[in-house]
């Protein structure tokens, strides 16, 4: 594969999944990890990505206040609009982090009186703009890569919550492997969030469907809703609708 093709592939994977691992890229591109590292260095020097230990992350995921760098912004707004319709007056809701969750926080109807718990300082700040919401920021170690809190302290706090609804972003979704991710600590927190809620909705742009990462979060059967930017009748969602309610 030519260098230009490699760079385009790396950027596309980072845009879709927010993070890539050098070892995975080396395998998928059939090049050495040294070649991958040079490619990542070049993309970082050009200001297109942010290189981290073992791989790279998207600029929008690392700097969520930057509107310019958000990938598929309109699609994420559509997902957020659908997810907001799941929230009812008086609910206790747990929400994750990421750019889709920021859009969701901005779309919460002003009339709602709800309590929110979140692992994202940025999402908490957006939610706090709504005067009728009670917002709790769960405390823990802030991950510099994902901008959410992780660790045993977070999992312990989540175990003490009985939420009506959990709203989570995702890295990858597939029919057989369910929801998967590439970050071990983030996965443990997501598992605890799902366990703490009566219902869970996974929010995902269409490009993440039928993709798999190395660490499992849960099977689709453990979830209630799959919220995407596609219409529920889209043929790409038909196979999912047999296991989960598609919105």
Foldseek 3Di string as FASTA:
>chain_A
DDLVVLLVVLLVLQLAQQWDFLVVSCVVVVHDSVVVVVSVVVCVVVVQWAADVRTTGGPCQLVVVDPVRRRPLVFLLLLLLVVLVVDDAAFEEEEEDDNSLLSNLQPNDLPHQYEYEYQAPNSQVSVVVRVRYHYHHQDACQDSSRRGHFDPSLLVVLQVAQGAEYEYEARAAEQPQGTAHADPRVLSNLLSNLVRHPAYEYEHEPVRYPDHDDGGNDHLLSHAEYGYSDDCPDPSCPSVVVRYPYD
